[in-house]
């Protein structure tokens, strides 16, 4: 199955750090962008951070200065370093990969199954 595979979630106290990793289960032809979304109970899924193939990054306002997204193009892996975690960061975090599975195919969004991040007070 062609999908991103996440790792690194867990339980941490407020003020702590976690690092999420994500890589595609199989290689695809090209990747346009990779990113992380999150969904808290009762809330809509929201973009947390995204990085393009050219290295341009985008963050939602509430995580700026605390979270850092990076990617290893050689490994096709994206990371999310989360520092100074707050209880409101508690959510399921989903990896998103936007790209083409094969040459000539339309750009598609691929979603991971999600990893739980819980920040306790």
C-alpha atoms as a PDB file:
ATOM      1  CA  UNK A   1       0.000   0.000   0.000  1.00  0.00           C
ATOM      2  CA  UNK A   2       1.321   3.419  -0.936  1.00  0.00           C
ATOM      3  CA  UNK A   3       1.121   5.611   2.129  1.00  0.00           C
ATOM      4  CA  UNK A   4       3.247   7.595   4.546  1.00  0.00           C
ATOM      5  CA  UNK A   5       4.360   5.779   7.686  1.00  0.00           C
ATOM      6  CA  UNK A   6       4.689   7.871  10.834  1.00  0.00           C
ATOM      7  CA  UNK A   7       6.612   7.281  14.037  1.00  0.00           C
ATOM      8  CA  UNK A   8       7.573   9.189  17.147  1.00  0.00           C
ATOM      9  CA  UNK A   9       4.342  10.077  18.900  1.00  0.00           C
ATOM     10  CA  UNK A  10       3.742   9.525  22.584  1.00  0.00           C
ATOM     11  CA  UNK A  11       3.090  11.068  25.966  1.00  0.00           C
ATOM     12  CA  UNK A  12       5.151  13.981  27.224  1.00  0.00           C
ATOM     13  CA  UNK A  13       4.831  16.605  29.943  1.00  0.00           C
ATOM     14  CA  UNK A  14       4.200  20.215  29.093  1.00  0.00           C
ATOM     15  CA  UNK A  15       7.450  21.926  28.190  1.00  0.00           C
ATOM     16  CA  UNK A  16       8.935  18.721  26.826  1.00  0.00           C
ATOM     17  CA  UNK A  17       9.916  17.704  23.310  1.00  0.00           C
ATOM     18  CA  UNK A  18       9.032  15.052  20.764  1.00  0.00           C
ATOM     19  CA  UNK A  19      10.245  14.322  17.256  1.00  0.00           C
ATOM     20  CA  UNK A  20       7.973  12.874  14.608  1.00  0.00           C
ATOM     21  CA  UNK A  21       9.249  11.107  11.496  1.00  0.00           C
ATOM     22  CA  UNK A  22       7.490  10.111   8.308  1.00  0.00           C
ATOM     23  CA  UNK A  23       8.508   8.305   5.140  1.00  0.00           C
ATOM     24  CA  UNK A  24       6.586   6.837   2.243  1.00  0.00           C
ATOM     25  CA  UNK A  25       6.061   3.070   2.408  1.00  0.00           C
ATOM     26  CA  UNK A  26       7.277   2.799  -1.175  1.00  0.00           C
ATOM     27  CA  UNK A  27       9.179   5.209  -3.399  1.00  0.00           C
ATOM     28  CA  UNK A  28       7.074   7.390  -5.657  1.00  0.00           C
ATOM     29  CA  UNK A  29       8.106   9.272  -8.789  1.00  0.00           C
ATOM     30  CA  UNK A  30       8.214  12.764  -7.286  1.00  0.00           C
ATOM     31  CA  UNK A  31       7.273  14.611  -4.115  1.00  0.00           C
ATOM     32  CA  UNK A  32       6.064  18.197  -4.249  1.00  0.00           C
ATOM     33  CA  UNK A  33       5.633  18.820  -0.566  1.00  0.00           C
ATOM     34  CA  UNK A  34       5.554  17.001   2.766  1.00  0.00           C
ATOM     35  CA  UNK A  35       3.835  18.138   5.895  1.00  0.00           C
ATOM     36  CA  UNK A  36       2.106  17.480   9.163  1.00  0.00           C
ATOM     37  CA  UNK A  37      -1.514  18.039  10.067  1.00  0.00           C
ATOM     38  CA  UNK A  38      -3.214  17.461  13.393  1.00  0.00           C
ATOM     39  CA  UNK A  39      -6.701  16.832  14.629  1.00  0.00           C
ATOM     40  CA  UNK A  40      -7.780  17.286  18.224  1.00  0.00           C
ATOM     41  CA  UNK A  41     -11.038  15.765  19.543  1.00  0.00           C
ATOM     42  CA  UNK A  42     -14.025  17.715  18.308  1.00  0.00           C
ATOM     43  CA  UNK A  43     -11.920  19.916  16.028  1.00  0.00           C
ATOM     44  CA  UNK A  44     -11.157  20.122  12.333  1.00  0.00           C
ATOM     45  CA  UNK A  45      -7.904  18.784  10.965  1.00  0.00           C
ATOM     46  CA  UNK A  46      -5.430  21.651  10.607  1.00  0.00           C
ATOM     47  CA  UNK A  47      -2.102  22.176   8.931  1.00  0.00           C
ATOM     48  CA  UNK A  48       0.761  22.305  11.420  1.00  0.00           C
ATOM     49  CA  UNK A  49       3.768  22.640   9.133  1.00  0.00           C
ATOM     50  CA  UNK A  50       4.731  21.988   5.539  1.00  0.00           C
ATOM     51  CA  UNK A  51       7.965  21.926   3.557  1.00  0.00           C
ATOM     52  CA  UNK A  52       8.203  21.996  -0.219  1.00  0.00           C
ATOM     53  CA  UNK A  53      10.675  20.164  -2.405  1.00  0.00           C
ATOM     54  CA  UNK A  54      12.574  23.432  -2.603  1.00  0.00           C
ATOM     55  CA  UNK A  55      12.818  23.741   1.154  1.00  0.00           C
ATOM     56  CA  UNK A  56      10.209  26.460   1.658  1.00  0.00           C
ATOM     57  CA  UNK A  57       8.480  26.038   5.007  1.00  0.00           C
ATOM     58  CA  UNK A  58       5.099  27.103   6.300  1.00  0.00           C
ATOM     59  CA  UNK A  59       3.839  26.919   9.894  1.00  0.00           C
ATOM     60  CA  UNK A  60       0.566  27.569  11.586  1.00  0.00           C
ATOM     61  CA  UNK A  61       0.850  30.527  13.925  1.00  0.00           C
ATOM     62  CA  UNK A  62       0.466  28.654  17.198  1.00  0.00           C
ATOM     63  CA  UNK A  63       3.592  26.524  16.614  1.00  0.00           C
ATOM     64  CA  UNK A  64       5.946  29.132  15.159  1.00  0.00           C
ATOM     65  CA  UNK A  65       9.142  29.294  17.149  1.00  0.00           C
ATOM     66  CA  UNK A  66       8.448  25.962  18.844  1.00  0.00           C
ATOM     67  CA  UNK A  67       8.174  23.425  16.012  1.00  0.00           C
ATOM     68  CA  UNK A  68      10.652  22.848  13.191  1.00  0.00           C
ATOM     69  CA  UNK A  69       9.950  20.860  10.038  1.00  0.00           C
ATOM     70  CA  UNK A  70      12.785  19.422   7.986  1.00  0.00           C
ATOM     71  CA  UNK A  71      13.259  16.805   5.311  1.00  0.00           C
ATOM     72  CA  UNK A  72      15.920  14.439   4.087  1.00  0.00           C
ATOM     73  CA  UNK A  73      15.422  14.274   0.334  1.00  0.00           C
ATOM     74  CA  UNK A  74      17.794  11.353  -0.072  1.00  0.00           C
ATOM     75  CA  UNK A  75      15.725   9.291   2.346  1.00  0.00           C
ATOM     76  CA  UNK A  76      12.368  10.751   1.359  1.00  0.00           C
ATOM     77  CA  UNK A  77      11.725  11.456   5.033  1.00  0.00           C
ATOM     78  CA  UNK A  78      10.166  14.429   6.793  1.00  0.00           C
ATOM     79  CA  UNK A  79      10.643  15.294  10.452  1.00  0.00           C
ATOM     80  CA  UNK A  80       8.781  17.483  12.907  1.00  0.00           C
ATOM     81  CA  UNK A  81      10.773  18.585  15.941  1.00  0.00           C
ATOM     82  CA  UNK A  82       8.341  19.775  18.590  1.00  0.00           C
ATOM     83  CA  UNK A  83       9.749  21.748  21.518  1.00  0.00           C
ATOM     84  CA  UNK A  84       8.090  23.574  24.404  1.00  0.00           C
ATOM     85  CA  UNK A  85       5.020  21.428  23.994  1.00  0.00           C
ATOM     86  CA  UNK A  86       1.737  22.657  25.416  1.00  0.00           C
ATOM     87  CA  UNK A  87      -1.379  20.771  26.442  1.00  0.00           C
ATOM     88  CA  UNK A  88      -3.187  22.329  23.490  1.00  0.00           C
ATOM     89  CA  UNK A  89      -0.780  20.526  21.146  1.00  0.00           C
ATOM     90  CA  UNK A  90      -2.473  17.267  22.114  1.00  0.00           C
ATOM     91  CA  UNK A  91      -3.883  15.693  18.952  1.00  0.00           C
ATOM     92  CA  UNK A  92      -3.470  12.953  16.400  1.00  0.00           C
ATOM     93  CA  UNK A  93      -0.744  14.052  14.008  1.00  0.00           C
ATOM     94  CA  UNK A  94      -0.998  12.990  10.369  1.00  0.00           C
ATOM     95  CA  UNK A  95       1.769  12.991   7.812  1.00  0.00           C
ATOM     96  CA  UNK A  96       0.839  14.292   4.366  1.00  0.00           C
ATOM     97  CA  UNK A  97       2.838  13.697   1.223  1.00  0.00           C
ATOM     98  CA  UNK A  98       1.850  15.464  -1.978  1.00  0.00           C
ATOM     99  CA  UNK A  99       3.316  14.053  -5.160  1.00  0.00           C
ATOM    100  CA  UNK A 100       3.086  11.893  -8.260  1.00  0.00           C
ATOM    101  CA  UNK A 101       3.137   8.126  -7.911  1.00  0.00           C
ATOM    102  CA  UNK A 102       4.411   7.636 -11.428  1.00  0.00           C
ATOM    103  CA  UNK A 103       5.504   9.806 -14.336  1.00  0.00           C
ATOM    104  CA  UNK A 104       2.543  11.603 -15.942  1.00  0.00           C
ATOM    105  CA  UNK A 105       0.161  10.807 -13.102  1.00  0.00           C
ATOM    106  CA  UNK A 106      -1.689  13.648 -11.445  1.00  0.00           C
ATOM    107  CA  UNK A 107      -0.445  15.058  -8.161  1.00  0.00           C
ATOM    108  CA  UNK A 108      -2.155  13.335  -5.229  1.00  0.00           C
ATOM    109  CA  UNK A 109      -2.276  13.649  -1.473  1.00  0.00           C
ATOM    110  CA  UNK A 110      -1.167  10.637   0.534  1.00  0.00           C
ATOM    111  CA  UNK A 111      -2.067  10.394   4.216  1.00  0.00           C
ATOM    112  CA  UNK A 112      -0.562   8.422   7.039  1.00  0.00           C
ATOM    113  CA  UNK A 113      -2.669   6.651   9.640  1.00  0.00           C
ATOM    114  CA  UNK A 114      -1.762   9.166  12.324  1.00  0.00           C
ATOM    115  CA  UNK A 115       0.236   9.121  15.520  1.00  0.00           C
ATOM    116  CA  UNK A 116      -1.066  10.267  18.908  1.00  0.00           C
ATOM    117  CA  UNK A 117       0.701  13.096  20.700  1.00  0.00           C
ATOM    118  CA  UNK A 118      -0.470  13.709  24.258  1.00  0.00           C
ATOM    119  CA  UNK A 119       0.891  16.558  26.335  1.00  0.00           C
ATOM    120  CA  UNK A 120       0.095  16.402  30.037  1.00  0.00           C
ATOM    121  CA  UNK A 121       0.052  19.339  32.416  1.00  0.00           C
END
